[in-house]
Amino acid sequence: MTATKTLTDWPHLYVPGQPGAPVFLLLHGTGGDERSLRPLAVELDPDAGMLAPRGRVSEDGMNRWFRRHAEGVFDVDDVISRSADLAGFIEAAREQYGLDGRAIVAVGFSNGANIALATALLHPASLDRVVAFSGMYPLGERESSSDLTASRILMVNGDADPMAPLPSVTRAVGALRGRGAEVEQHLRPGGHGIAQADLTAAREWLSSAT
């Protein structure tokens, strides 16, 4: 399938940003769409480009990135399949929009953070920079065998988040580091969401990671 066909088939938003600035791959949470994280991207870096696809799974009319069996219980086969689809989308966008030479950094929230982490674990050649807000380990009992030594990941979580429990967050950090990724973890008091301290941590991380 050509890059043009791939992108035509996948609703998304693209904003070029300033030359030389990173391009944020914006991955919304459950119920969001390709415009949901645009204000967040501006807060993180107003010069950055934006590449924002829409999750193509529907759950009770809400957009998601992959199916789940229950709250916090992911359909891991679907996670794996959808992460491959997202990796293909990234490569098609690189070709179509001439992004070679520009850093692509996934910025994901909740369900979007989880698909970003899955794609980084399974397809590091397509995605090796991730800011994961309120994300957790996405692969159930499975593990990645990928070489992640070129990957840099920021995990940003609340320490009392019922939707991204701390043991799963810790497992994600361990899995990434175990495959060689450089992982920075920002853990704050509180639950699900994005706090001002999270934005500060992300801006600081971005200044050195891109």
Protein backbone atom coordinates (compact mmCIF):
# COMPACT_ATOMS: atom_id res chain seq x y z
CA MET A 1 0.00 0.00 0.00
CA THR A 2 1.36 3.44 -0.92
CA ALA A 3 2.00 6.11 1.69
CA THR A 4 -0.74 8.29 0.19
CA LYS A 5 -3.26 5.43 0.39
CA THR A 6 -2.25 4.60 3.96
CA LEU A 7 -2.73 8.19 5.10
CA THR A 8 -5.97 8.64 3.17
CA ASP A 9 -7.40 5.61 4.92
CA TRP A 10 -6.46 6.90 8.37
CA PRO A 11 -8.10 10.14 9.61
CA HIS A 12 -5.39 12.38 10.99
CA LEU A 13 -4.20 15.93 11.49
CA TYR A 14 -0.83 17.19 10.28
CA VAL A 15 0.74 20.55 11.12
CA PRO A 16 4.31 21.01 9.82
CA GLY A 17 5.63 23.22 12.62
CA GLN A 18 8.96 25.00 12.36
CA PRO A 19 11.81 23.50 10.32
CA GLY A 20 14.15 21.52 12.53
CA ALA A 21 11.66 21.27 15.41
CA PRO A 22 10.46 17.82 16.47
CA VAL A 23 7.18 16.41 15.24
CA PHE A 24 4.85 15.25 17.99
CA LEU A 25 2.92 12.07 17.24
CA LEU A 26 -0.17 12.92 19.28
CA LEU A 27 -2.04 9.87 20.58
CA HIS A 28 -5.30 10.71 22.34
CA GLY A 29 -6.96 8.90 25.22
CA THR A 30 -10.22 6.95 25.08
CA GLY A 31 -12.98 9.07 23.58
CA GLY A 32 -10.61 11.61 22.06
CA ASP A 33 -9.75 12.32 18.46
CA GLU A 34 -6.98 13.83 16.36
CA ARG A 35 -7.57 17.31 17.79
CA SER A 36 -7.68 16.40 21.48
CA LEU A 37 -3.99 16.81 22.30
CA ARG A 38 -3.30 19.83 20.11
CA PRO A 39 -3.37 22.27 23.09
CA LEU A 40 -1.01 19.98 24.99
CA ALA A 41 1.45 19.97 22.08
CA VAL A 42 1.47 23.78 22.01
CA GLU A 43 2.21 23.86 25.73
CA LEU A 44 5.10 21.45 25.34
CA ASP A 45 6.68 23.14 22.33
CA PRO A 46 4.87 25.76 20.21
CA ASP A 47 7.37 25.24 17.38
CA ALA A 48 6.83 21.49 17.10
CA GLY A 49 5.01 19.86 14.23
CA MET A 50 1.94 17.74 14.94
CA LEU A 51 1.03 14.38 13.46
CA ALA A 52 -2.20 13.25 15.12
CA PRO A 53 -4.00 10.11 13.91
CA ARG A 54 -7.37 9.03 15.23
CA GLY A 55 -7.74 5.71 17.03
CA ARG A 56 -9.60 3.30 14.77
CA VAL A 57 -11.25 1.10 17.38
CA SER A 58 -14.72 2.07 18.63
CA GLU A 59 -15.90 1.17 22.12
CA ASP A 60 -19.46 2.30 22.84
CA GLY A 61 -18.93 5.06 20.29
CA MET A 62 -15.61 6.21 21.77
CA ASN A 63 -12.38 6.17 19.77
CA ARG A 64 -9.65 3.90 21.10
CA TRP A 65 -6.36 2.48 19.86
CA PHE A 66 -7.03 -1.18 20.63
CA ARG A 67 -9.69 -3.44 22.08
CA ARG A 68 -9.91 -4.43 25.72
CA HIS A 69 -11.81 -7.16 27.53
CA ALA A 70 -12.47 -5.01 30.63
CA GLU A 71 -11.03 -1.94 32.37
CA GLY A 72 -7.28 -2.51 32.49
CA VAL A 73 -7.53 -5.91 30.73
CA PHE A 74 -6.19 -5.46 27.21
CA ASP A 75 -6.74 -7.64 24.16
CA VAL A 76 -3.01 -8.20 23.70
CA ASP A 77 -3.33 -9.71 20.22
CA ASP A 78 -5.12 -6.56 19.16
CA VAL A 79 -2.51 -4.37 20.87
CA ILE A 80 0.19 -6.11 18.84
CA SER A 81 -1.74 -5.80 15.59
CA ARG A 82 -2.65 -2.15 16.12
CA SER A 83 0.90 -1.21 17.09
CA ALA A 84 2.08 -2.65 13.77
CA ASP A 85 -0.57 -0.54 12.03
CA LEU A 86 0.65 2.56 13.85
CA ALA A 87 4.25 1.83 12.91
CA GLY A 88 3.11 1.64 9.29
CA PHE A 89 1.30 4.95 9.63
CA ILE A 90 4.44 6.60 11.00
CA GLU A 91 6.55 5.34 8.11
CA ALA A 92 3.93 6.44 5.57
CA ALA A 93 3.81 9.90 7.15
CA ARG A 94 7.60 10.18 7.06
CA GLU A 95 7.48 9.56 3.31
CA GLN A 96 4.40 11.61 2.48
CA TYR A 97 5.30 14.67 4.56
CA GLY A 98 9.08 14.56 4.07
CA LEU A 99 9.90 14.00 7.75
CA ASP A 100 13.24 12.25 7.33
CA GLY A 101 15.78 14.00 9.51
CA ARG A 102 13.16 15.28 11.97
CA ALA A 103 12.66 13.69 15.37
CA ILE A 104 9.25 12.09 15.82
CA VAL A 105 8.23 11.97 19.47
CA ALA A 106 5.06 10.20 20.53
CA VAL A 107 3.08 12.16 23.10
CA GLY A 108 0.35 9.90 24.38
CA PHE A 109 -2.21 10.09 27.15
CA SER A 110 -3.77 7.03 28.82
CA ASN A 111 -4.87 4.67 26.01
CA GLY A 112 -2.70 6.73 23.66
CA ALA A 113 0.29 6.33 25.99
CA ASN A 114 -0.29 2.58 26.01
CA ILE A 115 -0.26 2.24 22.22
CA ALA A 116 2.82 4.46 22.11
CA LEU A 117 4.61 2.20 24.58
CA ALA A 118 3.53 -0.93 22.67
CA THR A 119 4.82 0.53 19.41
CA ALA A 120 8.10 1.60 21.03
CA LEU A 121 8.55 -1.89 22.52
CA LEU A 122 7.72 -3.77 19.32
CA HIS A 123 8.75 -1.37 16.52
CA PRO A 124 11.65 0.77 17.75
CA ALA A 125 12.84 1.46 14.21
CA SER A 126 9.60 3.39 13.68
CA LEU A 127 9.27 4.97 17.12
CA ASP A 128 12.10 5.50 19.60
CA ARG A 129 11.00 8.63 21.49
CA VAL A 130 7.91 8.58 23.74
CA VAL A 131 6.34 10.81 26.38
CA ALA A 132 3.78 8.56 28.08
CA PHE A 133 1.29 10.37 30.31
CA SER A 134 -0.66 7.94 32.55
CA GLY A 135 0.50 4.89 30.64
CA MET A 136 1.16 1.32 31.78
CA TYR A 137 2.57 -1.96 30.49
CA PRO A 138 0.53 -2.83 27.38
CA LEU A 139 1.54 -6.40 26.51
CA GLY A 140 -0.05 -8.46 29.27
CA GLU A 141 2.05 -11.56 29.95
CA ARG A 142 4.11 -11.12 26.79
CA GLU A 143 7.46 -9.43 26.38
CA SER A 144 9.36 -7.71 23.62
CA SER A 145 12.65 -9.03 22.26
CA SER A 146 13.51 -5.80 20.43
CA ASP A 147 16.80 -3.97 20.85
CA LEU A 148 15.82 -0.65 22.45
CA THR A 149 19.30 0.76 23.01
CA ALA A 150 18.51 3.75 20.77
CA SER A 151 15.19 4.48 22.52
CA ARG A 152 14.44 7.20 25.04
CA ILE A 153 11.20 7.11 27.01
CA LEU A 154 9.59 9.39 29.60
CA MET A 155 6.99 7.77 31.87
CA VAL A 156 4.79 10.31 33.68
CA ASN A 157 2.33 8.88 36.19
CA GLY A 158 0.35 9.50 39.35
CA ASP A 159 1.28 7.17 42.18
CA ALA A 160 -2.38 6.46 43.04
CA ASP A 161 -3.82 6.02 39.56
CA PRO A 162 -6.43 3.23 39.49
CA MET A 163 -6.43 3.22 35.67
CA ALA A 164 -2.66 2.82 35.38
CA PRO A 165 -1.70 0.93 38.55
CA LEU A 166 1.79 1.45 39.87
CA PRO A 167 2.84 -2.23 39.54
CA SER A 168 2.05 -2.10 35.81
CA VAL A 169 3.89 1.20 35.45
CA THR A 170 6.91 -0.32 37.22
CA ARG A 171 6.74 -3.32 34.92
CA ALA A 172 6.73 -1.07 31.86
CA VAL A 173 9.80 0.78 33.10
CA GLY A 174 11.58 -2.50 33.84
CA ALA A 175 10.69 -4.01 30.45
CA LEU A 176 11.95 -0.97 28.58
CA ARG A 177 15.18 -0.76 30.55
CA GLY A 178 15.66 -4.49 30.26
CA ARG A 179 15.80 -4.16 26.47
CA GLY A 180 18.26 -1.27 26.69
CA ALA A 181 16.04 1.83 26.55
CA GLU A 182 16.95 4.97 28.45
CA VAL A 183 13.90 5.58 30.64
CA GLU A 184 13.18 8.57 32.85
CA GLN A 185 10.31 8.25 35.28
CA HIS A 186 8.35 11.13 36.78
CA LEU A 187 6.03 9.96 39.54
CA ARG A 188 3.80 12.46 41.33
CA PRO A 189 1.17 12.19 44.05
CA GLY A 190 -2.29 11.72 42.61
CA GLY A 191 -4.25 9.84 40.00
CA HIS A 192 -5.08 9.75 36.31
CA GLY A 193 -4.51 12.89 34.26
CA ILE A 194 -1.87 15.45 33.37
CA ALA A 195 -0.79 17.85 36.11
CA GLN A 196 1.26 21.02 35.73
CA ALA A 197 4.25 19.22 37.22
CA ASP A 198 3.91 16.60 34.48
CA LEU A 199 4.13 19.28 31.80
CA THR A 200 7.23 20.73 33.41
CA ALA A 201 8.87 17.30 33.52
CA ALA A 202 7.97 16.67 29.87
CA ARG A 203 9.35 20.02 28.69
CA GLU A 204 12.61 19.40 30.53
CA TRP A 205 12.91 15.91 29.09
CA LEU A 206 12.15 17.10 25.56
CA SER A 207 14.88 19.71 25.73
CA SER A 208 17.49 16.96 25.98
CA ALA A 209 15.82 14.12 24.10
CA THR A 210 15.14 15.82 20.76
